[in-house]
Amino acid sequence: MKIRQYTAEDLQQVLDTWEESTRFAHEFMTDEFIAQERINTAEIYLPNTDTWVAEIDGEVKGFLALMGNEVGAIFVQPHFHGRGIGKALMDKAQQLHGDLEVEVFKVNIIGRNFYSKYGFKLIEEKLHHPTGQQVLRLKLTAKK
C-alpha cells in the first residue's frame, strides 16, 4: 500500500470510492443527495482540500481530505475495510497536523467505531440540517 498526494488523474477512482463507501455507511442518504454530493466532491471539496490517496496495485482504495487539522473526509472501499488503509491515512493526517477534528453521522457505526478505536473523543453533537441526522464532532489530541 502506498499513501500519496491526490492528483487530477485520481478523480474517478476517488469519486467511485466515495460513493461506494457513502452508500455502505449512510443508508439514510437519498440517491438525489448522493448525486449532488458527488458533484460537490468533484467541484468544491477536492479542489479545496489537501487530499491523500491509499493506492494498492496502482488503484485507489481509499482517500483522506484535510482542511487544516479538520478531517473533511476519509473513505475506504467497503471490501477493503479492516486492512489498515484507514489507519494509514489517519496516521498521515496526524503526522501532518498532530491534533485532529472530524464530524461523523451518529448513525454511522462503521465510522464511529473507527474513530473511537483510533482515539477520537466526543466534543459536540448537533443536527445536520440537509439530512436531518445528528452529527458528532470528535477530537484527537496528539500524544506528546
Protein backbone atom coordinates (compact mmCIF):
# COMPACT_ATOMS: atom_id res chain seq x y z
CA MET A 1 0.00 0.00 0.00
CA LYS A 2 1.21 3.47 -0.88
CA ILE A 3 -0.10 6.73 0.61
CA ARG A 4 0.46 9.63 -1.79
CA GLN A 5 -0.87 13.06 -2.69
CA TYR A 6 -4.06 13.11 -4.79
CA THR A 7 -3.73 14.06 -8.47
CA ALA A 8 -6.42 15.01 -11.00
CA GLU A 9 -5.99 11.58 -12.64
CA ASP A 10 -7.39 10.03 -9.43
CA LEU A 11 -10.74 11.84 -9.69
CA GLN A 12 -12.94 8.98 -11.00
CA GLN A 13 -11.49 6.41 -8.61
CA VAL A 14 -11.84 8.80 -5.66
CA LEU A 15 -15.46 9.59 -6.59
CA ASP A 16 -16.27 5.89 -7.01
CA THR A 17 -14.65 5.11 -3.65
CA TRP A 18 -16.60 7.97 -2.05
CA GLU A 19 -19.95 6.85 -3.47
CA GLU A 20 -19.49 3.15 -2.69
CA SER A 21 -18.42 3.93 0.88
CA THR A 22 -21.15 6.53 1.37
CA ARG A 23 -23.89 4.14 0.28
CA PHE A 24 -22.44 1.42 2.53
CA ALA A 25 -22.23 3.54 5.71
CA HIS A 26 -25.09 6.03 5.20
CA GLU A 27 -28.23 4.12 4.29
CA PHE A 28 -30.40 7.15 5.10
CA MET A 29 -28.97 9.26 2.25
CA THR A 30 -31.17 9.58 -0.82
CA ASP A 31 -29.98 8.97 -4.37
CA GLU A 32 -30.59 12.66 -5.08
CA PHE A 33 -28.47 13.78 -2.12
CA ILE A 34 -25.65 11.40 -3.09
CA ALA A 35 -25.74 12.53 -6.74
CA GLN A 36 -25.45 16.18 -5.68
CA GLU A 37 -22.70 15.45 -3.15
CA ARG A 38 -20.74 13.52 -5.80
CA ILE A 39 -20.76 16.69 -7.95
CA ASN A 40 -19.85 18.83 -4.90
CA THR A 41 -16.99 16.47 -4.05
CA ALA A 42 -15.52 16.86 -7.54
CA GLU A 43 -16.14 20.57 -8.00
CA ILE A 44 -15.95 22.06 -4.49
CA TYR A 45 -14.39 19.74 -1.90
CA LEU A 46 -11.45 18.13 -3.71
CA PRO A 47 -10.11 21.37 -5.23
CA ASN A 48 -10.13 22.99 -1.76
CA THR A 49 -8.65 20.25 0.41
CA ASP A 50 -5.29 18.61 0.97
CA THR A 51 -6.20 15.14 -0.31
CA TRP A 52 -4.22 11.92 0.03
CA VAL A 53 -4.98 8.55 -1.54
CA ALA A 54 -4.23 4.99 -0.50
CA GLU A 55 -3.16 3.05 -3.55
CA ILE A 56 -2.88 -0.74 -3.89
CA ASP A 57 -1.57 -2.22 -7.14
CA GLY A 58 -2.00 1.14 -8.88
CA GLU A 59 -5.66 1.56 -7.84
CA VAL A 60 -7.14 3.97 -5.30
CA LYS A 61 -8.80 2.04 -2.47
CA GLY A 62 -9.26 4.91 -0.03
CA PHE A 63 -8.71 8.63 0.44
CA LEU A 64 -8.46 11.35 3.04
CA ALA A 65 -9.30 15.03 2.54
CA LEU A 66 -7.96 17.57 5.03
CA MET A 67 -8.83 21.21 5.67
CA GLY A 68 -6.04 22.13 8.04
CA ASN A 69 -6.40 19.79 11.01
CA GLU A 70 -10.04 19.02 10.11
CA VAL A 71 -10.64 15.61 8.52
CA GLY A 72 -13.19 16.60 5.89
CA ALA A 73 -13.45 13.08 4.55
CA ILE A 74 -11.93 9.65 4.97
CA PHE A 75 -13.35 6.83 2.90
CA VAL A 76 -12.17 3.29 2.19
CA GLN A 77 -13.87 0.94 -0.25
CA PRO A 78 -16.03 -1.41 1.87
CA HIS A 79 -14.40 -4.65 0.66
CA PHE A 80 -11.03 -3.21 1.78
CA HIS A 81 -12.16 -2.42 5.36
CA GLY A 82 -10.03 -3.97 8.09
CA ARG A 83 -6.79 -3.94 6.09
CA GLY A 84 -5.18 -0.91 7.76
CA ILE A 85 -5.95 1.55 4.95
CA GLY A 86 -7.98 3.94 7.12
CA LYS A 87 -5.35 3.80 9.86
CA ALA A 88 -2.55 4.53 7.36
CA LEU A 89 -4.48 7.54 6.03
CA MET A 90 -5.24 8.83 9.54
CA ASP A 91 -1.59 8.31 10.52
CA LYS A 92 -0.68 10.59 7.59
CA ALA A 93 -3.14 13.25 8.80
CA GLN A 94 -1.75 13.06 12.32
CA GLN A 95 1.83 13.24 11.00
CA LEU A 96 0.90 16.42 9.11
CA HIS A 97 -1.21 18.15 11.78
CA GLY A 98 -0.96 16.49 15.21
CA ASP A 99 -4.35 17.24 16.83
CA LEU A 100 -7.27 16.39 14.53
CA GLU A 101 -11.02 17.01 14.45
CA VAL A 102 -13.74 15.28 12.46
CA GLU A 103 -17.52 15.09 12.18
CA VAL A 104 -19.33 11.77 11.76
CA PHE A 105 -23.02 10.93 11.50
CA LYS A 106 -24.27 9.41 14.75
CA VAL A 107 -25.89 6.54 12.80
CA ASN A 108 -22.59 5.74 11.02
CA ILE A 109 -21.49 2.91 13.32
CA ILE A 110 -18.62 1.93 11.00
CA GLY A 111 -17.12 5.42 11.12
CA ARG A 112 -17.77 5.88 14.83
CA ASN A 113 -16.06 2.57 15.67
CA PHE A 114 -13.06 3.50 13.52
CA TYR A 115 -12.66 6.92 15.15
CA SER A 116 -13.14 5.52 18.65
CA LYS A 117 -10.52 2.82 18.06
CA TYR A 118 -8.13 5.47 16.73
CA GLY A 119 -8.59 7.54 19.92
CA PHE A 120 -11.01 10.33 18.96
CA LYS A 121 -13.21 11.71 21.77
CA LEU A 122 -16.66 13.34 21.54
CA ILE A 123 -16.72 17.12 21.92
CA GLU A 124 -20.12 18.09 20.47
CA GLU A 125 -23.37 16.72 19.00
CA LYS A 126 -25.51 18.75 16.58
CA LEU A 127 -28.09 18.48 13.82
CA HIS A 128 -27.00 18.13 10.17
CA HIS A 129 -29.81 20.12 8.54
CA PRO A 130 -29.55 18.75 4.94
CA THR A 131 -30.18 15.17 6.16
CA GLY A 132 -31.98 15.72 9.46
CA GLN A 133 -29.42 13.42 11.13
CA GLN A 134 -27.36 14.01 14.25
CA VAL A 135 -23.64 14.63 13.73
CA LEU A 136 -20.91 14.04 16.30
CA ARG A 137 -17.84 16.28 16.39
CA LEU A 138 -14.79 14.39 17.60
CA LYS A 139 -11.26 15.42 18.54
CA LEU A 140 -7.99 13.54 18.65
CA THR A 141 -5.27 15.04 20.81
CA ALA A 142 -1.83 14.05 19.58
CA LYS A 143 0.35 12.17 22.03
CA LYS A 144 3.20 14.36 23.21
